[in-house]
Amino acid sequence: MALACLGTAFHLPAAWAQSKSGGGGIYTCVTPDGRRLTSDRWIAECNSREQRVLNSDGSLRTVLPPAMSPEEKAASEARERRAAAERAAQQDAIRRDRNLLQRYRNEAAHQAAREAALDDVNKATQMSERRLQELAAERKPLLDEAEFYKGKTLPAKLKQQLAENEAAADAQRLLIENQKAELVRVNKLYDTELARLKRLWAGAAPGTLD
């Protein structure tokens, strides 16, 4: 059998490379203009056509699809990336659920963890409230002294002390507001966890929940 000689260089996708690595195949295809070509290697002129790979006895070994266009290749790679991201997200969900089950064997254990987390925030709030009371006590004599200068310009030192006291009090009030928001956040987190745990405890497989 006469074989067409094709010297054009091209890149073989993995599937085609694996087919060639088997050796001994006869490639045959019909070009876009209707010519039938045969070779002992991938036929570049049929890059956009499917190619049949035959054994030496003429029987069909495999059929190779056309090479992808740049657009098709980009779309295929994008699909592969999305699929890989979905697989990774699924594995993360499985690990997260398994970790939850290991950490909390029952609702009592989860409630104890919630109370410990809330206790930390409450202690921080109490410290800020005590500091606010201290600052109020420190401010009183400063205000009493300022009464002597009513209608007059305050001494620079007294004015600075009052400003520093007020700035420190503002900082503590902001901390208290943040700590209140943290209490809400912590409770919401544990509420979400508990809802998920109840489904896992009921038998849902890790990684199968929304």
C-alpha atoms as a PDB file:
ATOM      1  CA  MET A   1       0.000   0.000   0.000  1.00  0.00           C
ATOM      2  CA  ALA A   2       1.412   3.423  -0.978  1.00  0.00           C
ATOM      3  CA  LEU A   3       1.503   5.901   1.862  1.00  0.00           C
ATOM      4  CA  ALA A   4       1.143   9.675   1.423  1.00  0.00           C
ATOM      5  CA  CYS A   5       4.204  11.548   2.729  1.00  0.00           C
ATOM      6  CA  LEU A   6       3.280  14.416   4.992  1.00  0.00           C
ATOM      7  CA  GLY A   7       6.035  16.509   6.551  1.00  0.00           C
ATOM      8  CA  THR A   8       3.955  19.335   8.013  1.00  0.00           C
ATOM      9  CA  ALA A   9       4.709  19.943  11.708  1.00  0.00           C
ATOM     10  CA  PHE A  10       1.755  20.101  14.099  1.00  0.00           C
ATOM     11  CA  HIS A  11       0.874  19.542  17.748  1.00  0.00           C
ATOM     12  CA  LEU A  12      -0.814  16.272  18.703  1.00  0.00           C
ATOM     13  CA  PRO A  13      -3.342  16.302  21.552  1.00  0.00           C
ATOM     14  CA  ALA A  14      -2.852  13.672  24.262  1.00  0.00           C
ATOM     15  CA  ALA A  15      -5.414  11.233  22.792  1.00  0.00           C
ATOM     16  CA  TRP A  16      -3.740  11.303  19.390  1.00  0.00           C
ATOM     17  CA  ALA A  17      -0.280  11.008  20.918  1.00  0.00           C
ATOM     18  CA  GLN A  18      -1.405   7.923  22.836  1.00  0.00           C
ATOM     19  CA  SER A  19      -2.767   6.405  19.614  1.00  0.00           C
ATOM     20  CA  LYS A  20       0.553   6.962  17.837  1.00  0.00           C
ATOM     21  CA  SER A  21       2.527   5.576  20.764  1.00  0.00           C
ATOM     22  CA  GLY A  22       0.908   2.203  20.066  1.00  0.00           C
ATOM     23  CA  GLY A  23       2.827   2.044  16.730  1.00  0.00           C
ATOM     24  CA  GLY A  24       1.923   0.253  13.503  1.00  0.00           C
ATOM     25  CA  GLY A  25      -1.277   2.167  12.837  1.00  0.00           C
ATOM     26  CA  ILE A  26      -2.476   3.200   9.394  1.00  0.00           C
ATOM     27  CA  TYR A  27      -4.204   6.591   9.312  1.00  0.00           C
ATOM     28  CA  THR A  28      -6.838   7.348   6.719  1.00  0.00           C
ATOM     29  CA  CYS A  29      -9.142  10.293   6.168  1.00  0.00           C
ATOM     30  CA  VAL A  30     -11.019  12.341   3.597  1.00  0.00           C
ATOM     31  CA  THR A  31      -9.798  15.927   3.192  1.00  0.00           C
ATOM     32  CA  PRO A  32     -12.248  18.848   3.065  1.00  0.00           C
ATOM     33  CA  ASP A  33     -11.876  18.875  -0.733  1.00  0.00           C
ATOM     34  CA  GLY A  34     -12.790  15.171  -0.982  1.00  0.00           C
ATOM     35  CA  ARG A  35      -9.393  13.512  -1.323  1.00  0.00           C
ATOM     36  CA  ARG A  36      -8.783  10.300   0.587  1.00  0.00           C
ATOM     37  CA  LEU A  37      -5.350  10.198   2.191  1.00  0.00           C
ATOM     38  CA  THR A  38      -3.504   7.390   3.929  1.00  0.00           C
ATOM     39  CA  SER A  39      -0.364   7.588   6.075  1.00  0.00           C
ATOM     40  CA  ASP A  40       1.510   5.861   8.855  1.00  0.00           C
ATOM     41  CA  ARG A  41       1.107   8.956  11.053  1.00  0.00           C
ATOM     42  CA  TRP A  42      -1.410  11.665  11.861  1.00  0.00           C
ATOM     43  CA  ILE A  43      -2.395  13.427   8.623  1.00  0.00           C
ATOM     44  CA  ALA A  44      -2.022  17.198   8.952  1.00  0.00           C
ATOM     45  CA  GLU A  45      -4.200  17.917   5.913  1.00  0.00           C
ATOM     46  CA  CYS A  46      -7.090  16.267   7.787  1.00  0.00           C
ATOM     47  CA  ASN A  47      -6.505  18.278  10.935  1.00  0.00           C
ATOM     48  CA  SER A  48     -10.128  19.436  10.860  1.00  0.00           C
ATOM     49  CA  ARG A  49     -11.539  15.979   9.970  1.00  0.00           C
ATOM     50  CA  GLU A  50     -11.852  12.748  11.888  1.00  0.00           C
ATOM     51  CA  GLN A  51      -9.193  10.144  11.107  1.00  0.00           C
ATOM     52  CA  ARG A  52      -9.597   6.385  11.176  1.00  0.00           C
ATOM     53  CA  VAL A  53      -6.687   4.342  12.509  1.00  0.00           C
ATOM     54  CA  LEU A  54      -6.467   0.854  11.013  1.00  0.00           C
ATOM     55  CA  ASN A  55      -4.496  -2.197  12.020  1.00  0.00           C
ATOM     56  CA  SER A  56      -2.115  -3.759   9.507  1.00  0.00           C
ATOM     57  CA  ASP A  57      -4.849  -6.203   8.439  1.00  0.00           C
ATOM     58  CA  GLY A  58      -7.204  -3.327   7.605  1.00  0.00           C
ATOM     59  CA  SER A  59      -9.429  -3.692  10.678  1.00  0.00           C
ATOM     60  CA  LEU A  60     -10.446  -0.553  12.574  1.00  0.00           C
ATOM     61  CA  ARG A  61      -8.353   0.248  15.629  1.00  0.00           C
ATOM     62  CA  THR A  62      -9.874   3.582  16.613  1.00  0.00           C
ATOM     63  CA  VAL A  63     -11.361   6.815  15.294  1.00  0.00           C
ATOM     64  CA  LEU A  64      -9.671  10.080  16.255  1.00  0.00           C
ATOM     65  CA  PRO A  65     -11.796  13.255  16.389  1.00  0.00           C
ATOM     66  CA  PRO A  66     -10.800  16.416  14.520  1.00  0.00           C
ATOM     67  CA  ALA A  67      -8.273  18.719  16.118  1.00  0.00           C
ATOM     68  CA  MET A  68      -9.939  21.497  18.075  1.00  0.00           C
ATOM     69  CA  SER A  69      -9.914  25.057  16.816  1.00  0.00           C
ATOM     70  CA  PRO A  70      -8.329  27.669  19.135  1.00  0.00           C
ATOM     71  CA  GLU A  71     -11.835  28.707  20.210  1.00  0.00           C
ATOM     72  CA  GLU A  72     -12.892  25.109  20.865  1.00  0.00           C
ATOM     73  CA  LYS A  73      -9.669  24.446  22.751  1.00  0.00           C
ATOM     74  CA  ALA A  74     -10.200  27.557  24.911  1.00  0.00           C
ATOM     75  CA  ALA A  75     -13.793  26.506  25.635  1.00  0.00           C
ATOM     76  CA  SER A  76     -12.681  22.974  26.491  1.00  0.00           C
ATOM     77  CA  GLU A  77      -9.990  24.261  28.857  1.00  0.00           C
ATOM     78  CA  ALA A  78     -12.538  26.577  30.488  1.00  0.00           C
ATOM     79  CA  ARG A  79     -14.874  23.609  31.029  1.00  0.00           C
ATOM     80  CA  GLU A  80     -12.016  21.616  32.536  1.00  0.00           C
ATOM     81  CA  ARG A  81     -11.156  24.481  34.889  1.00  0.00           C
ATOM     82  CA  ARG A  82     -14.788  24.784  35.983  1.00  0.00           C
ATOM     83  CA  ALA A  83     -14.999  21.040  36.530  1.00  0.00           C
ATOM     84  CA  ALA A  84     -11.754  21.075  38.527  1.00  0.00           C
ATOM     85  CA  ALA A  85     -13.040  23.966  40.654  1.00  0.00           C
ATOM     86  CA  GLU A  86     -16.294  22.102  41.285  1.00  0.00           C
ATOM     87  CA  ARG A  87     -14.402  18.950  42.288  1.00  0.00           C
ATOM     88  CA  ALA A  88     -12.213  20.974  44.654  1.00  0.00           C
ATOM     89  CA  ALA A  89     -15.271  22.671  46.171  1.00  0.00           C
ATOM     90  CA  GLN A  90     -16.910  19.279  46.643  1.00  0.00           C
ATOM     91  CA  GLN A  91     -13.833  17.926  48.413  1.00  0.00           C
ATOM     92  CA  ASP A  92     -13.727  21.026  50.625  1.00  0.00           C
ATOM     93  CA  ALA A  93     -17.396  20.521  51.543  1.00  0.00           C
ATOM     94  CA  ILE A  94     -16.747  16.882  52.441  1.00  0.00           C
ATOM     95  CA  ARG A  95     -13.751  17.808  54.612  1.00  0.00           C
ATOM     96  CA  ARG A  96     -15.708  20.604  56.306  1.00  0.00           C
ATOM     97  CA  ASP A  97     -18.631  18.348  57.130  1.00  0.00           C
ATOM     98  CA  ARG A  98     -16.391  15.581  58.429  1.00  0.00           C
ATOM     99  CA  ASN A  99     -14.508  18.085  60.594  1.00  0.00           C
ATOM    100  CA  LEU A 100     -17.817  19.345  61.999  1.00  0.00           C
ATOM    101  CA  LEU A 101     -18.902  15.821  62.874  1.00  0.00           C
ATOM    102  CA  GLN A 102     -15.584  15.089  64.557  1.00  0.00           C
ATOM    103  CA  ARG A 103     -15.671  18.335  66.529  1.00  0.00           C
ATOM    104  CA  TYR A 104     -19.297  18.086  67.642  1.00  0.00           C
ATOM    105  CA  ARG A 105     -20.597  14.638  68.459  1.00  0.00           C
ATOM    106  CA  ASN A 106     -23.940  15.998  69.669  1.00  0.00           C
ATOM    107  CA  GLU A 107     -25.893  19.203  70.228  1.00  0.00           C
ATOM    108  CA  ALA A 108     -24.659  19.577  73.801  1.00  0.00           C
ATOM    109  CA  ALA A 109     -21.044  19.763  72.584  1.00  0.00           C
ATOM    110  CA  HIS A 110     -21.995  22.387  70.021  1.00  0.00           C
ATOM    111  CA  GLN A 111     -23.886  24.444  72.604  1.00  0.00           C
ATOM    112  CA  ALA A 112     -20.882  24.359  74.948  1.00  0.00           C
ATOM    113  CA  ALA A 113     -18.669  25.690  72.146  1.00  0.00           C
ATOM    114  CA  ARG A 114     -21.189  28.462  71.417  1.00  0.00           C
ATOM    115  CA  GLU A 115     -21.293  29.522  75.059  1.00  0.00           C
ATOM    116  CA  ALA A 116     -17.489  29.581  75.270  1.00  0.00           C
ATOM    117  CA  ALA A 117     -17.250  31.781  72.183  1.00  0.00           C
ATOM    118  CA  LEU A 118     -19.944  34.148  73.462  1.00  0.00           C
ATOM    119  CA  ASP A 119     -18.287  34.282  76.860  1.00  0.00           C
ATOM    120  CA  ASP A 120     -15.063  35.576  75.298  1.00  0.00           C
ATOM    121  CA  VAL A 121     -16.945  38.397  73.579  1.00  0.00           C
ATOM    122  CA  ASN A 122     -18.943  39.226  76.716  1.00  0.00           C
ATOM    123  CA  LYS A 123     -15.756  39.456  78.785  1.00  0.00           C
ATOM    124  CA  ALA A 124     -14.270  41.854  76.235  1.00  0.00           C
ATOM    125  CA  THR A 125     -17.434  43.961  76.396  1.00  0.00           C
ATOM    126  CA  GLN A 126     -17.314  44.051  80.187  1.00  0.00           C
ATOM    127  CA  MET A 127     -13.688  45.222  80.077  1.00  0.00           C
ATOM    128  CA  SER A 128     -14.624  48.040  77.690  1.00  0.00           C
ATOM    129  CA  GLU A 129     -17.548  49.069  79.905  1.00  0.00           C
ATOM    130  CA  ARG A 130     -15.307  49.148  82.991  1.00  0.00           C
ATOM    131  CA  ARG A 131     -12.761  51.258  81.131  1.00  0.00           C
ATOM    132  CA  LEU A 132     -15.535  53.622  80.048  1.00  0.00           C
ATOM    133  CA  GLN A 133     -16.561  54.042  83.682  1.00  0.00           C
ATOM    134  CA  GLU A 134     -12.934  54.749  84.641  1.00  0.00           C
ATOM    135  CA  LEU A 135     -12.679  57.380  81.931  1.00  0.00           C
ATOM    136  CA  ALA A 136     -15.893  59.008  83.154  1.00  0.00           C
ATOM    137  CA  ALA A 137     -14.451  59.139  86.674  1.00  0.00           C
ATOM    138  CA  GLU A 138     -11.227  60.665  85.333  1.00  0.00           C
ATOM    139  CA  ARG A 139     -13.197  63.229  83.350  1.00  0.00           C
ATOM    140  CA  LYS A 140     -15.229  64.533  86.321  1.00  0.00           C
ATOM    141  CA  PRO A 141     -12.394  66.449  88.050  1.00  0.00           C
ATOM    142  CA  LEU A 142     -11.331  67.815  84.668  1.00  0.00           C
ATOM    143  CA  LEU A 143     -14.837  69.154  84.092  1.00  0.00           C
ATOM    144  CA  ASP A 144     -14.907  70.592  87.626  1.00  0.00           C
ATOM    145  CA  GLU A 145     -11.648  72.402  86.933  1.00  0.00           C
ATOM    146  CA  ALA A 146     -12.986  73.661  83.618  1.00  0.00           C
ATOM    147  CA  GLU A 147     -15.855  75.365  85.508  1.00  0.00           C
ATOM    148  CA  PHE A 148     -13.340  77.859  86.911  1.00  0.00           C
ATOM    149  CA  TYR A 149     -12.628  78.979  83.330  1.00  0.00           C
ATOM    150  CA  LYS A 150     -16.248  79.329  82.251  1.00  0.00           C
ATOM    151  CA  GLY A 151     -16.404  82.045  79.639  1.00  0.00           C
ATOM    152  CA  LYS A 152     -12.623  82.064  79.379  1.00  0.00           C
ATOM    153  CA  THR A 153     -10.047  80.193  77.339  1.00  0.00           C
ATOM    154  CA  LEU A 154      -9.115  76.852  78.883  1.00  0.00           C
ATOM    155  CA  PRO A 155      -5.468  76.258  79.697  1.00  0.00           C
ATOM    156  CA  ALA A 156      -3.776  74.225  76.969  1.00  0.00           C
ATOM    157  CA  LYS A 157      -2.953  71.342  79.307  1.00  0.00           C
ATOM    158  CA  LEU A 158      -6.547  71.050  80.592  1.00  0.00           C
ATOM    159  CA  LYS A 159      -7.914  71.302  77.088  1.00  0.00           C
ATOM    160  CA  GLN A 160      -5.582  68.508  75.948  1.00  0.00           C
ATOM    161  CA  GLN A 161      -6.536  66.293  78.912  1.00  0.00           C
ATOM    162  CA  LEU A 162     -10.251  66.695  78.144  1.00  0.00           C
ATOM    163  CA  ALA A 163      -9.676  65.921  74.462  1.00  0.00           C
ATOM    164  CA  GLU A 164      -7.618  62.819  75.242  1.00  0.00           C
ATOM    165  CA  ASN A 165     -10.228  61.601  77.709  1.00  0.00           C
ATOM    166  CA  GLU A 166     -13.028  62.052  75.188  1.00  0.00           C
ATOM    167  CA  ALA A 167     -11.035  60.307  72.427  1.00  0.00           C
ATOM    168  CA  ALA A 168     -10.348  57.342  74.712  1.00  0.00           C
ATOM    169  CA  ALA A 169     -14.040  57.176  75.685  1.00  0.00           C
ATOM    170  CA  ASP A 170     -15.071  57.275  72.000  1.00  0.00           C
ATOM    171  CA  ALA A 171     -12.688  54.406  71.283  1.00  0.00           C
ATOM    172  CA  GLN A 172     -14.217  52.289  74.049  1.00  0.00           C
ATOM    173  CA  ARG A 173     -17.749  53.052  72.858  1.00  0.00           C
ATOM    174  CA  LEU A 174     -16.760  51.938  69.361  1.00  0.00           C
ATOM    175  CA  LEU A 175     -15.285  48.752  70.792  1.00  0.00           C
ATOM    176  CA  ILE A 176     -18.538  48.034  72.609  1.00  0.00           C
ATOM    177  CA  GLU A 177     -20.527  48.482  69.397  1.00  0.00           C
ATOM    178  CA  ASN A 178     -18.158  46.152  67.566  1.00  0.00           C
ATOM    179  CA  GLN A 179     -18.447  43.584  70.336  1.00  0.00           C
ATOM    180  CA  LYS A 180     -22.239  43.710  70.130  1.00  0.00           C
ATOM    181  CA  ALA A 181     -21.972  43.079  66.383  1.00  0.00           C
ATOM    182  CA  GLU A 182     -19.584  40.208  67.111  1.00  0.00           C
ATOM    183  CA  LEU A 183     -22.161  38.602  69.398  1.00  0.00           C
ATOM    184  CA  VAL A 184     -24.656  38.660  66.545  1.00  0.00           C
ATOM    185  CA  ARG A 185     -22.079  37.234  64.136  1.00  0.00           C
ATOM    186  CA  VAL A 186     -21.054  34.421  66.490  1.00  0.00           C
ATOM    187  CA  ASN A 187     -24.652  33.422  67.164  1.00  0.00           C
ATOM    188  CA  LYS A 188     -25.439  33.439  63.444  1.00  0.00           C
ATOM    189  CA  LEU A 189     -22.390  31.269  62.743  1.00  0.00           C
ATOM    190  CA  TYR A 190     -23.385  28.718  65.370  1.00  0.00           C
ATOM    191  CA  ASP A 191     -27.001  28.764  64.203  1.00  0.00           C
ATOM    192  CA  THR A 192     -25.869  27.929  60.662  1.00  0.00           C
ATOM    193  CA  GLU A 193     -23.526  25.220  61.914  1.00  0.00           C
ATOM    194  CA  LEU A 194     -26.220  23.680  64.086  1.00  0.00           C
ATOM    195  CA  ALA A 195     -28.703  23.515  61.209  1.00  0.00           C
ATOM    196  CA  ARG A 196     -26.072  21.743  59.107  1.00  0.00           C
ATOM    197  CA  LEU A 197     -25.070  19.424  61.933  1.00  0.00           C
ATOM    198  CA  LYS A 198     -28.656  18.358  62.553  1.00  0.00           C
ATOM    199  CA  ARG A 199     -28.888  17.155  58.959  1.00  0.00           C
ATOM    200  CA  LEU A 200     -25.521  15.381  59.211  1.00  0.00           C
ATOM    201  CA  TRP A 201     -26.477  13.749  62.510  1.00  0.00           C
ATOM    202  CA  ALA A 202     -29.699  12.609  60.821  1.00  0.00           C
ATOM    203  CA  GLY A 203     -27.657  10.728  58.223  1.00  0.00           C
ATOM    204  CA  ALA A 204     -26.902  13.147  55.379  1.00  0.00           C
ATOM    205  CA  ALA A 205     -23.604  12.256  53.702  1.00  0.00           C
ATOM    206  CA  PRO A 206     -20.764  14.803  54.131  1.00  0.00           C
ATOM    207  CA  GLY A 207     -20.542  17.098  51.125  1.00  0.00           C
ATOM    208  CA  THR A 208     -24.113  16.543  49.944  1.00  0.00           C
ATOM    209  CA  LEU A 209     -25.706  19.538  51.690  1.00  0.00           C
ATOM    210  CA  ASP A 210     -26.251  22.910  50.062  1.00  0.00           C
END
